[in-house]
C-alpha atoms as a PDB file:
ATOM      1  CA  UNK A   1      19.139  17.875  -8.504  1.00  0.00           C
ATOM      2  CA  UNK A   2      18.831  13.803  -8.409  1.00  0.00           C
ATOM      3  CA  UNK A   3      21.672  14.013 -11.477  1.00  0.00           C
ATOM      4  CA  UNK A   4      23.395  16.243  -9.906  1.00  0.00           C
ATOM      5  CA  UNK A   5      23.799  13.515  -7.386  1.00  0.00           C
ATOM      6  CA  UNK A   6      23.898  10.556  -9.252  1.00  0.00           C
ATOM      7  CA  UNK A   7      27.579  12.840 -10.344  1.00  0.00           C
ATOM      8  CA  UNK A   8      29.025  12.526  -7.169  1.00  0.00           C
ATOM      9  CA  UNK A   9      31.605   9.955  -6.690  1.00  0.00           C
ATOM     10  CA  UNK A  10      30.044   8.685  -3.703  1.00  0.00           C
ATOM     11  CA  UNK A  11      26.642   7.962  -5.788  1.00  0.00           C
ATOM     12  CA  UNK A  12      28.485   6.110  -8.628  1.00  0.00           C
ATOM     13  CA  UNK A  13      27.090   2.876  -8.004  1.00  0.00           C
ATOM     14  CA  UNK A  14      24.142   4.179  -8.564  1.00  0.00           C
ATOM     15  CA  UNK A  15      24.588   5.373 -11.699  1.00  0.00           C
ATOM     16  CA  UNK A  16      22.797   2.505 -14.236  1.00  0.00           C
ATOM     17  CA  UNK A  17      20.373   1.988 -11.771  1.00  0.00           C
ATOM     18  CA  UNK A  18      16.316   2.519 -12.788  1.00  0.00           C
ATOM     19  CA  UNK A  19      14.463   5.253 -10.683  1.00  0.00           C
ATOM     20  CA  UNK A  20      12.944   2.189  -8.876  1.00  0.00           C
ATOM     21  CA  UNK A  21      15.935   0.830  -7.937  1.00  0.00           C
ATOM     22  CA  UNK A  22      17.294   3.849  -6.413  1.00  0.00           C
ATOM     23  CA  UNK A  23      13.795   4.500  -4.290  1.00  0.00           C
ATOM     24  CA  UNK A  24      14.095   0.667  -3.564  1.00  0.00           C
ATOM     25  CA  UNK A  25      17.266   1.352  -2.013  1.00  0.00           C
ATOM     26  CA  UNK A  26      19.276   4.527  -1.613  1.00  0.00           C
ATOM     27  CA  UNK A  27      19.324   6.339   1.509  1.00  0.00           C
ATOM     28  CA  UNK A  28      19.566  10.031   2.267  1.00  0.00           C
ATOM     29  CA  UNK A  29      19.884  12.687  -0.403  1.00  0.00           C
ATOM     30  CA  UNK A  30      20.172  10.459  -2.983  1.00  0.00           C
ATOM     31  CA  UNK A  31      16.891   8.460  -1.430  1.00  0.00           C
ATOM     32  CA  UNK A  32      14.625  11.786  -0.843  1.00  0.00           C
ATOM     33  CA  UNK A  33      15.856  13.006  -4.842  1.00  0.00           C
ATOM     34  CA  UNK A  34      14.487  10.384  -6.167  1.00  0.00           C
ATOM     35  CA  UNK A  35      11.583   9.616  -4.362  1.00  0.00           C
ATOM     36  CA  UNK A  36      10.433  12.716  -5.054  1.00  0.00           C
ATOM     37  CA  UNK A  37      10.970  12.124  -8.758  1.00  0.00           C
ATOM     38  CA  UNK A  38       9.543   9.329  -8.701  1.00  0.00           C
ATOM     39  CA  UNK A  39       6.356  11.375  -7.022  1.00  0.00           C
ATOM     40  CA  UNK A  40       6.308  13.702  -8.817  1.00  0.00           C
ATOM     41  CA  UNK A  41       6.519  11.146 -12.322  1.00  0.00           C
ATOM     42  CA  UNK A  42       3.216   8.899 -10.959  1.00  0.00           C
ATOM     43  CA  UNK A  43       1.377  11.988  -9.708  1.00  0.00           C
ATOM     44  CA  UNK A  44       1.726  13.229 -13.603  1.00  0.00           C
ATOM     45  CA  UNK A  45       0.745  10.091 -14.875  1.00  0.00           C
ATOM     46  CA  UNK A  46      -2.240   9.771 -12.339  1.00  0.00           C
ATOM     47  CA  UNK A  47      -4.261  13.120 -14.366  1.00  0.00           C
ATOM     48  CA  UNK A  48      -3.356  12.582 -17.490  1.00  0.00           C
ATOM     49  CA  UNK A  49      -6.199  11.614 -19.682  1.00  0.00           C
ATOM     50  CA  UNK A  50      -7.402   7.951 -20.464  1.00  0.00           C
ATOM     51  CA  UNK A  51      -5.306   7.272 -23.696  1.00  0.00           C
ATOM     52  CA  UNK A  52      -7.489   4.649 -24.764  1.00  0.00           C
ATOM     53  CA  UNK A  53     -10.341   7.327 -24.182  1.00  0.00           C
ATOM     54  CA  UNK A  54     -12.149   4.715 -22.348  1.00  0.00           C
ATOM     55  CA  UNK A  55     -14.103   5.799 -18.706  1.00  0.00           C
ATOM     56  CA  UNK A  56     -11.446   5.708 -15.848  1.00  0.00           C
ATOM     57  CA  UNK A  57     -13.749   3.918 -13.408  1.00  0.00           C
ATOM     58  CA  UNK A  58     -13.193   2.655 -10.124  1.00  0.00           C
ATOM     59  CA  UNK A  59     -13.164  -1.008  -8.806  1.00  0.00           C
ATOM     60  CA  UNK A  60     -12.460  -3.412  -6.151  1.00  0.00           C
ATOM     61  CA  UNK A  61     -13.172  -1.147  -2.524  1.00  0.00           C
ATOM     62  CA  UNK A  62     -13.182   2.066  -3.420  1.00  0.00           C
ATOM     63  CA  UNK A  63     -16.001   1.065  -6.269  1.00  0.00           C
ATOM     64  CA  UNK A  64     -18.514  -0.597  -3.685  1.00  0.00           C
ATOM     65  CA  UNK A  65     -17.645   2.770  -0.965  1.00  0.00           C
ATOM     66  CA  UNK A  66     -18.783   5.230  -3.622  1.00  0.00           C
ATOM     67  CA  UNK A  67     -21.778   2.764  -4.682  1.00  0.00           C
ATOM     68  CA  UNK A  68     -22.648   2.999  -1.158  1.00  0.00           C
ATOM     69  CA  UNK A  69     -22.265   6.938  -0.555  1.00  0.00           C
ATOM     70  CA  UNK A  70     -23.193   8.256  -3.915  1.00  0.00           C
ATOM     71  CA  UNK A  71     -25.035   5.753  -5.623  1.00  0.00           C
ATOM     72  CA  UNK A  72     -22.871   5.522  -8.857  1.00  0.00           C
ATOM     73  CA  UNK A  73     -19.379   6.330  -9.582  1.00  0.00           C
ATOM     74  CA  UNK A  74     -21.448   9.308 -12.045  1.00  0.00           C
ATOM     75  CA  UNK A  75     -22.814  10.623  -8.712  1.00  0.00           C
ATOM     76  CA  UNK A  76     -20.093  11.007  -7.305  1.00  0.00           C
ATOM     77  CA  UNK A  77     -18.203  12.484 -10.355  1.00  0.00           C
ATOM     78  CA  UNK A  78     -21.077  15.062 -10.338  1.00  0.00           C
ATOM     79  CA  UNK A  79     -21.215  16.115  -7.109  1.00  0.00           C
ATOM     80  CA  UNK A  80     -17.059  16.381  -7.092  1.00  0.00           C
ATOM     81  CA  UNK A  81     -17.344  18.410  -9.993  1.00  0.00           C
ATOM     82  CA  UNK A  82     -19.713  20.632  -8.572  1.00  0.00           C
ATOM     83  CA  UNK A  83     -17.667  21.114  -5.268  1.00  0.00           C
END
């Protein structure tokens, strides 16, 4: 659907733009479609396995909260997986 919208004459100025540029500058239906593509892409990239086989551990404020509430990330992960 995004490609269909970009093919319309009124959206010609956006045809050579990146997805990020469209999301940041477009309005209406073009913005909505671009934002959906961006959201889906972001979502699936978040779910993919770590390409370097390293532990995906949280850091910063979320790490502090997990440690406070669960004791460790491994404990959180175990409880979350069991739920």
